[in-house]
Protein backbone atom coordinates (compact mmCIF):
# COMPACT_ATOMS: atom_id res chain seq x y z
CA MET A 1 151.14 43.08 5.49
CA HIS A 2 151.52 41.60 8.94
CA SER A 3 148.67 41.83 11.49
CA SER A 4 149.17 43.22 14.98
CA VAL A 5 147.17 41.66 17.86
CA ARG A 6 146.11 43.78 20.86
CA LEU A 7 143.95 43.00 23.96
CA LEU A 8 141.84 45.95 25.15
CA CYS A 9 139.57 45.58 28.21
CA GLY A 10 139.17 41.88 27.63
CA VAL A 11 138.27 42.17 23.87
CA LEU A 12 140.66 40.44 21.43
CA CYS A 13 141.13 42.46 18.26
CA VAL A 14 143.30 42.18 15.15
CA VAL A 15 144.59 45.53 13.97
CA GLY A 16 143.39 46.07 10.46
CA SER A 17 140.43 43.78 10.99
CA THR A 18 136.87 45.03 10.63
CA ALA A 19 135.98 43.06 13.77
CA CYS A 20 137.20 45.95 15.93
CA ASP A 21 134.63 48.66 16.46
CA PHE A 22 137.10 51.35 17.53
CA PRO A 23 139.29 53.39 15.11
CA ARG A 24 142.32 51.57 13.77
CA PRO A 25 145.75 53.14 14.32
CA ALA A 26 147.51 54.95 11.48
CA ILE A 27 150.29 53.15 9.54
CA LEU A 28 153.63 54.95 9.20
CA GLN A 29 155.52 54.62 5.90
CA ASP A 30 159.31 54.37 5.48
CA ASP A 31 161.14 57.42 4.17
CA ALA A 32 162.24 55.28 1.23
CA ALA A 33 159.52 53.55 -0.73
CA GLY A 34 159.85 50.82 -3.33
CA ALA A 35 159.66 51.51 -7.01
CA ASP A 36 155.98 50.75 -7.04
CA GLY A 37 155.42 53.17 -4.18
CA ALA A 38 154.58 50.40 -1.71
CA GLN A 39 155.86 50.46 1.86
CA THR A 40 159.06 48.60 2.48
CA LYS A 41 158.24 48.00 6.14
CA ASP A 42 155.09 47.80 8.27
CA ALA A 43 155.27 50.26 11.15
CA VAL A 44 152.55 50.32 13.76
CA VAL A 45 152.16 53.45 15.83
CA ASP A 46 153.39 53.02 19.34
CA ALA A 47 150.13 54.63 20.50
CA VAL A 48 148.34 51.40 19.69
CA ALA A 49 149.80 49.99 22.91
CA ILE A 50 147.42 50.99 25.68
CA ASP A 51 149.31 51.47 28.90
CA ALA A 52 148.07 50.15 32.24
CA ALA A 53 147.18 53.58 33.54
CA ALA A 54 144.80 54.14 30.66
CA ILE A 55 143.13 50.81 31.29
CA ASP A 56 142.80 51.66 34.99
CA ALA A 57 141.08 54.88 34.00
CA VAL A 58 138.25 53.01 32.30
CA ALA A 59 135.09 53.57 34.33
CA ILE A 60 134.31 50.79 36.80
CA ASP A 61 130.76 50.18 37.93
CA ALA A 62 129.88 51.67 41.37
CA PRO A 63 129.25 49.19 44.20
CA PRO A 64 125.61 48.17 44.64
CA HIS A 65 123.43 50.42 46.79
CA ILE A 66 122.78 49.01 50.26
CA PRO A 67 119.32 50.06 51.50
CA TYR A 68 119.12 51.86 54.82
CA LEU A 69 116.39 53.14 57.08
CA GLU A 70 114.61 56.45 57.03
CA PRO A 71 114.00 56.43 60.80
CA ARG A 72 111.03 57.86 62.57
CA TYR A 73 111.91 61.13 64.38
CA LEU A 74 115.36 61.31 62.68
CA PRO A 75 114.69 60.75 58.94
CA ASP A 76 118.13 61.81 57.63
CA ILE A 77 120.36 60.39 60.37
CA CYS A 78 121.36 57.29 58.37
CA ASP A 79 122.31 59.14 55.16
CA ALA A 80 125.98 59.48 56.13
CA ILE A 81 128.17 56.77 57.61
CA ALA A 82 129.23 57.32 61.24
CA THR A 83 132.74 58.71 61.72
CA ALA A 84 133.36 56.69 64.90
CA PRO A 85 133.52 52.90 64.34
CA ASP A 86 131.95 51.41 67.45
CA PHE A 87 130.70 52.04 70.97
CA THR A 88 131.00 49.10 73.37
CA VAL A 89 130.02 49.22 77.03
CA THR A 90 131.86 46.49 78.93
CA SER A 91 131.25 47.60 82.52
CA SER A 92 128.52 49.54 84.28
CA ALA A 93 128.52 53.23 83.42
CA SER A 94 126.30 56.30 83.48
CA PHE A 95 125.49 58.60 80.61
CA ASP A 96 123.97 62.11 80.81
CA THR A 97 122.05 63.33 77.76
CA LYS A 98 122.17 66.95 78.86
CA LEU A 99 125.95 67.04 78.26
CA ASP A 100 126.66 68.11 74.68
CA ASN A 101 129.81 66.01 74.38
CA SER A 102 127.76 62.90 75.12
CA CYS A 103 125.76 63.47 71.94
CA THR A 104 128.28 62.33 69.30
CA GLY A 105 125.66 62.65 66.55
CA GLY A 106 124.47 66.08 67.69
CA VAL A 107 121.31 67.34 69.36
CA VAL A 108 118.04 67.46 67.42
CA THR A 109 115.29 69.81 68.59
CA GLN A 110 111.64 68.79 68.49
CA VAL A 111 108.45 70.83 68.46
CA GLY A 112 106.29 69.71 71.35
CA GLY A 113 108.86 67.30 72.72
CA PRO A 114 112.26 67.19 74.39
CA PRO A 115 115.47 67.63 72.36
CA ILE A 116 117.05 64.34 71.25
CA CYS A 117 120.64 63.50 72.16
CA VAL A 118 121.94 61.40 69.24
CA VAL A 119 124.67 58.86 70.02
CA ARG A 120 126.09 57.83 66.63
CA TYR A 121 128.55 54.98 65.91
CA GLY A 122 129.25 52.26 63.38
CA SER A 123 128.02 49.67 65.86
CA ILE A 124 126.71 49.85 69.43
CA ARG A 125 126.86 47.09 72.02
CA ILE A 126 126.16 46.79 75.74
CA THR A 127 127.81 43.56 76.85
CA ALA A 128 126.18 41.05 79.18
CA SER A 129 128.26 42.22 82.16
CA ALA A 130 127.33 45.90 81.78
CA THR A 131 124.54 48.30 82.72
CA LEU A 132 124.29 51.65 80.95
CA THR A 133 122.25 54.05 83.10
CA VAL A 134 121.02 57.06 81.16
CA THR A 135 119.88 60.33 82.75
CA GLY A 136 119.26 63.87 81.55
CA THR A 137 116.59 66.17 80.20
CA ARG A 138 117.07 65.15 76.56
CA ALA A 139 115.60 62.04 74.98
CA LEU A 140 118.07 59.36 73.87
CA ALA A 141 118.73 58.05 70.33
CA LEU A 142 121.28 55.25 69.94
CA VAL A 143 122.05 55.10 66.20
CA ALA A 144 124.32 52.44 64.66
CA ASP A 145 125.19 51.92 61.01
CA ASN A 146 125.19 48.17 61.52
CA ALA A 147 124.36 46.08 64.59
CA LEU A 148 122.87 47.54 67.76
CA THR A 149 123.03 44.91 70.47
CA ILE A 150 121.77 45.02 74.08
CA GLU A 151 123.14 41.99 75.91
CA GLY A 152 123.32 43.70 79.31
CA ILE A 153 120.97 46.37 80.71
CA LEU A 154 119.93 49.68 79.18
CA ASP A 155 118.34 51.71 82.00
CA VAL A 156 116.32 54.79 80.92
CA SER A 157 113.97 54.66 83.91
CA ALA A 158 112.92 57.41 86.30
CA THR A 159 114.26 57.37 89.85
CA GLY A 160 111.77 58.67 92.40
CA THR A 161 110.88 62.23 91.45
CA ILE A 162 113.66 62.46 88.82
CA ASN A 163 112.51 61.81 85.26
CA GLY A 164 114.18 59.35 82.94
CA PRO A 165 115.94 60.91 79.91
CA GLY A 166 113.44 63.08 78.08
CA GLY A 167 110.61 61.95 80.37
CA GLY A 168 108.09 63.99 82.34
CA VAL A 169 107.54 66.63 79.65
CA VAL A 170 103.81 65.89 79.64
CA ILE A 171 101.91 66.49 82.90
CA SER A 172 99.13 64.01 83.63
CA GLY A 173 97.42 63.59 86.99
CA GLY A 174 96.36 65.78 89.89
CA LYS A 175 98.77 67.14 92.48
CA ALA A 176 98.94 66.15 96.11
CA GLU A 177 97.29 68.58 98.51
CA VAL A 178 96.50 68.70 102.21
CA SER A 179 93.13 67.02 101.83
CA ALA A 180 93.77 64.72 98.88
CA GLY A 181 96.42 62.34 97.62
CA GLY A 182 97.83 63.07 94.17
CA GLY A 183 96.66 61.14 91.14
CA GLY A 184 98.98 58.79 89.27
CA ALA A 185 100.19 59.64 85.77
CA GLY A 186 98.34 58.21 82.78
CA PHE A 187 100.03 56.98 79.61
CA LYS A 188 99.16 53.63 78.01
CA THR A 189 96.30 53.37 80.52
CA ALA A 190 94.74 55.86 82.90
CA GLY A 191 96.57 56.60 86.12
CA ALA A 192 94.88 55.88 89.46
CA ALA A 193 93.27 58.52 91.65
CA GLY A 194 94.70 59.47 95.02
CA GLY A 195 92.78 58.96 98.25
CA SER A 196 90.73 61.63 99.99
CA ALA A 197 90.19 62.16 103.71
CA THR A 198 87.26 59.75 103.65
CA ALA A 199 87.48 57.55 100.54
CA ASP A 200 89.96 55.41 98.67
CA GLY A 201 90.41 56.99 95.24
CA GLY A 202 88.39 60.05 96.25
CA GLY A 203 91.27 62.53 95.91
CA GLY A 204 93.30 63.91 93.03
CA LEU A 205 92.34 62.48 89.66
CA GLY A 206 94.65 60.13 87.84
CA GLY A 207 95.80 61.21 84.40
CA GLY A 208 93.91 59.88 81.40
CA SER A 209 95.32 57.40 78.90
CA ALA A 210 97.38 59.15 76.23
CA THR A 211 97.31 59.08 72.45
CA ASP A 212 99.47 56.28 71.09
CA PRO A 213 102.89 57.95 70.71
CA SER A 214 103.36 56.33 67.29
CA ILE A 215 100.91 58.89 65.87
CA VAL A 216 102.40 61.83 67.75
CA THR A 217 105.06 63.81 65.87
CA PRO A 218 107.79 64.13 68.54
CA LEU A 219 109.52 61.39 70.48
CA ILE A 220 108.12 61.68 74.00
CA GLY A 221 108.71 59.80 77.22
CA GLY A 222 106.50 58.91 80.14
CA THR A 223 104.31 61.42 81.95
CA ARG A 224 104.34 62.68 85.51
CA PRO A 225 101.58 64.12 87.72
CA SER A 226 101.48 67.76 88.69
CA ASN A 227 103.85 68.59 91.54
CA GLY A 228 102.53 69.25 95.02
CA SER A 229 103.06 71.61 97.91
CA ILE A 230 104.63 75.05 97.95
CA ILE A 231 106.39 75.57 101.30
CA ILE A 232 107.16 72.69 103.62
CA SER A 233 109.52 72.02 106.47
CA ASP A 234 111.46 69.01 105.23
CA GLY A 235 111.22 68.85 101.43
CA THR A 236 108.66 69.15 98.68
CA ALA A 237 105.96 66.51 98.22
CA THR A 238 106.42 65.89 94.51
CA SER A 239 105.14 63.45 91.96
CA GLY A 240 106.95 60.46 90.57
CA GLY A 241 109.07 61.10 87.48
CA GLY A 242 108.15 59.93 84.01
CA GLY A 243 110.10 57.07 82.42
CA GLY A 244 112.51 57.94 79.63
CA ALA A 245 112.10 58.50 75.89
CA ALA A 246 114.51 56.41 73.81
CA THR A 247 114.86 55.12 70.26
CA LEU A 248 117.34 52.44 69.19
CA ILE A 249 118.18 52.51 65.46
CA ALA A 250 120.21 50.10 63.31
CA CYS A 251 120.45 51.90 59.95
CA ARG A 252 121.62 48.94 57.84
CA GLY A 253 121.54 46.15 60.38
CA THR A 254 119.64 44.46 63.20
CA VAL A 255 118.54 45.62 66.63
CA VAL A 256 119.03 42.71 69.03
CA VAL A 257 117.84 42.77 72.65
CA SER A 258 118.89 39.64 74.51
CA GLY A 259 119.44 41.52 77.76
CA MET A 260 117.10 44.05 79.37
CA ILE A 261 115.61 47.49 78.76
CA ASP A 262 114.10 49.30 81.77
CA ALA A 263 112.03 52.45 81.27
CA GLY A 264 110.00 52.37 84.49
CA GLY A 265 108.26 55.35 86.07
CA GLY A 266 109.30 56.87 89.40
CA GLY A 267 107.57 56.41 92.73
CA GLY A 268 105.66 59.34 94.23
CA GLU A 269 106.89 61.23 97.27
CA SER A 270 105.20 60.55 100.58
CA GLY A 271 103.18 63.13 102.46
CA HIS A 272 105.08 65.73 104.48
CA ASP A 273 104.28 68.22 107.14
CA ARG A 274 104.45 71.78 105.89
CA ILE A 275 103.98 75.33 107.10
CA PHE A 276 101.42 77.17 105.01
CA GLY A 277 100.04 80.58 106.03
CA GLY A 278 101.78 80.29 109.40
CA GLN A 279 99.98 77.05 110.18
CA LEU A 280 101.34 73.50 110.34
CA ASP A 281 99.60 71.23 107.86
CA PHE A 282 100.18 67.75 106.55
CA ASP A 283 100.39 66.97 102.86
CA ALA A 284 99.03 63.81 101.31
CA GLY A 285 101.12 61.42 99.24
CA ALA A 286 101.93 62.21 95.59
CA GLY A 287 101.08 60.06 92.60
CA GLY A 288 103.48 57.77 90.76
CA GLY A 289 104.94 58.54 87.33
CA SER A 290 104.22 56.49 84.23
CA GLY A 291 106.56 54.14 82.40
CA GLY A 292 108.44 55.53 79.43
CA ASN A 293 108.43 55.04 75.67
CA VAL A 294 111.07 52.95 73.88
CA VAL A 295 111.13 52.64 70.07
CA LEU A 296 113.20 49.99 68.24
CA GLN A 297 113.96 50.63 64.54
CA GLY A 298 116.00 48.33 62.30
CA MET A 299 116.27 46.48 59.00
CA ALA A 300 115.53 43.55 61.32
CA ILE A 301 114.60 43.41 65.02
CA THR A 302 115.03 40.51 67.43
CA VAL A 303 113.97 40.63 71.08
CA THR A 304 114.49 37.58 73.29
CA GLY A 305 115.39 39.38 76.52
CA GLN A 306 113.31 41.42 78.98
CA VAL A 307 111.61 44.80 78.50
CA PHE A 308 109.88 46.82 81.23
CA ALA A 309 108.17 50.18 81.40
CA ASN A 310 106.07 49.76 84.53
CA GLY A 311 104.40 52.59 86.42
CA GLY A 312 105.64 53.97 89.74
CA GLY A 313 103.72 53.54 92.99
CA GLY A 314 102.00 56.38 94.82
CA GLY A 315 103.47 57.76 98.03
CA ALA A 316 101.77 57.19 101.40
CA GLY A 317 100.25 60.04 103.38
CA ASN A 318 101.67 61.46 106.58
CA THR A 319 100.77 61.49 110.24
CA VAL A 320 103.93 62.51 112.14
CA ASN A 321 105.22 66.00 112.91
CA ASP A 322 108.53 66.75 111.22
CA GLY A 323 108.31 63.45 109.42
CA ALA A 324 106.99 61.78 106.35
CA GLY A 325 105.27 58.61 105.26
CA GLN A 326 106.75 55.96 103.03
CA LEU A 327 107.73 56.65 99.41
CA GLY A 328 106.15 54.89 96.47
CA SER A 329 108.43 52.39 94.73
CA ASP A 330 109.88 52.89 91.25
CA GLY A 331 108.52 50.78 88.39
CA THR A 332 109.62 47.16 88.75
CA ARG A 333 111.64 44.95 86.45
CA SER A 334 108.90 42.35 86.42
CA ALA A 335 105.89 41.35 84.35
CA THR A 336 104.11 39.87 87.39
CA THR A 337 104.92 42.18 90.31
CA ALA A 338 103.90 45.85 90.32
CA ALA A 339 105.70 48.71 92.05
CA SER A 340 104.27 48.96 95.56
CA GLY A 341 102.71 52.11 96.91
CA GLY A 342 104.08 53.61 100.08
CA ALA A 343 102.96 51.55 103.06
CA ALA A 344 100.92 53.05 105.90
CA LEU A 345 103.11 53.13 108.99
CA GLY A 346 100.37 54.56 111.17
CA ALA A 347 96.98 56.16 110.53
CA GLU A 348 97.97 57.63 107.13
CA GLY A 349 96.60 56.25 103.89
CA ALA A 350 98.77 53.93 101.82
CA GLY A 351 99.84 54.75 98.29
CA GLY A 352 98.50 52.76 95.35
CA ALA A 353 100.59 50.30 93.34
CA GLY A 354 101.85 51.22 89.89
CA GLY A 355 100.53 49.63 86.72
CA ARG A 356 102.05 46.63 84.96
CA GLN A 357 101.07 44.39 82.06
CA GLY A 358 97.60 43.03 82.77
CA ALA A 359 97.10 45.07 85.95
CA ALA A 360 95.88 48.65 86.17
CA PRO A 361 97.42 51.07 88.66
CA VAL A 362 95.80 51.14 92.10
CA THR A 363 94.11 54.06 93.85
CA GLY A 364 95.55 55.75 96.93
CA LYS A 365 93.94 54.94 100.29
CA HIS A 366 92.20 57.23 102.76
CA PRO A 367 93.65 57.75 106.26
CA ALA A 368 92.33 56.04 109.36
CA GLY A 369 91.59 59.38 111.00
CA GLY A 370 93.07 62.21 113.02
CA VAL A 371 95.45 64.56 111.26
CA ALA A 372 96.76 61.83 108.94
CA THR A 373 96.52 62.26 105.18
CA ALA A 374 95.76 60.07 102.17
CA GLY A 375 98.04 58.20 99.79
CA GLY A 376 98.72 58.93 96.12
CA GLY A 377 97.63 56.82 93.16
CA GLY A 378 99.84 54.60 91.02
CA GLY A 379 101.12 55.49 87.54
CA SER A 380 100.44 53.77 84.22
CA VAL A 381 102.68 51.49 82.18
CA GLY A 382 104.44 52.98 79.16
CA PHE A 383 105.03 51.80 75.58
CA PHE A 384 107.37 49.59 73.56
CA GLN A 385 107.21 50.15 69.79
CA THR A 386 108.93 48.65 66.73
CA TYR A 387 109.47 49.98 63.20
CA ALA A 388 110.69 47.72 60.37
CA PRO A 389 110.64 47.88 56.53
CA ALA A 390 107.70 46.52 54.54
CA GLY A 391 107.81 42.73 54.42
CA VAL A 392 109.95 42.44 57.56
CA THR A 393 108.35 40.96 60.67
CA PRO A 394 110.25 41.62 63.90
CA THR A 395 111.03 38.57 66.03
CA LEU A 396 109.47 39.53 69.36
CA THR A 397 109.74 36.66 71.83
CA PRO A 398 110.82 38.39 75.06
CA SER A 399 111.31 36.23 78.11
CA ALA A 400 109.38 38.91 80.04
CA ALA A 401 107.59 42.06 78.88
CA SER A 402 105.53 44.67 80.71
CA PRO A 403 103.91 46.13 78.71
CA ILE A 404 103.87 43.93 75.62
CA PHE A 405 104.96 45.45 72.31
CA SER A 406 102.52 47.54 70.31
CA THR A 407 101.72 46.49 66.73
CA ASN A 408 104.73 46.88 64.45
CA LYS A 409 104.80 49.95 62.19
CA VAL A 410 106.24 50.05 58.65
CA ILE A 411 109.24 52.31 58.05
CA MET A 412 110.62 53.62 54.76
CA VAL A 413 114.05 52.72 53.37
CA ARG A 414 116.32 54.70 51.06
């Protein structure tokens, strides 16, 4: 009897041979047999031939699992691949976290912290020619499946009395009053006290240094002092805003910062004249807000650019009817120069400078006399944090940093 050779899934077998470990096909006999009852012809069932479709149906091994992060604050955000491929900022633009349609990955609520606006794409890049300025009451989460690259500027800072995104939720520091400058906001360090009528730093207390945000459950931004006066003739003497709360996440890739991140605090308002109880009074300057809190999370992290979360300066006091002193400056983009407090233009007290890396915020000054009022104290620097998997050491060699990065934290992968 003749043998029939078949190739199945790469295994060479001879039909009728015991070398094959799958059932052999049946043999059909002719209608007419020989005298000895033997077959007159070998007939192999057509079913022996395995068609291509059947071979294609053989199970193929699944692709290997690619580990991905279980991010802090958003543990399940990397489980599904983003539906939008990439987000590239090529020219300067603004972005408002309080607008729902800005949050392509949804809005996540937090207990004890601001809601998080999640911006979700396959990759995220801010090119070298672009600045992305982020505002709004919600914190910001930029979440990429793969690379998240900041070549230009990501600005999540406060501007004057307006908080950065998700900033200013925590109040830290005394308010400005008639007789005392407001204290600066505390965060990584204590904020500075405002001046009193007779002493530098004798007014409203600065806020105390805060608990490291890496051991606090919600994602929070910088702090701001308590707001000031109630009824005034030309605006409210208010505290500097807190720098923003932001996390940058590369689920399966690398966070690269070769450009700049700015999360500075806002400068405090200057003193104003106000009408209170039918009487004209003069407010003192308000304290500066603290720098914000920026958290980088990736399978790898490389920072060679600049990162700043400096405190805002305190506002100067006031000495002129229907006028105001000089505002405190917003947190600087510098590791060597602090935000200046409002300068004294007359007899009023000057505001204190904001904090920066290696330099504590400065107290507000007392007035020279008369009806002039004191200046507010400067605000503290904020935080920069990193999270990477066990065994991964972030490359943190920024060309300028204020403050420097906190110790890296280990993050789980799935």
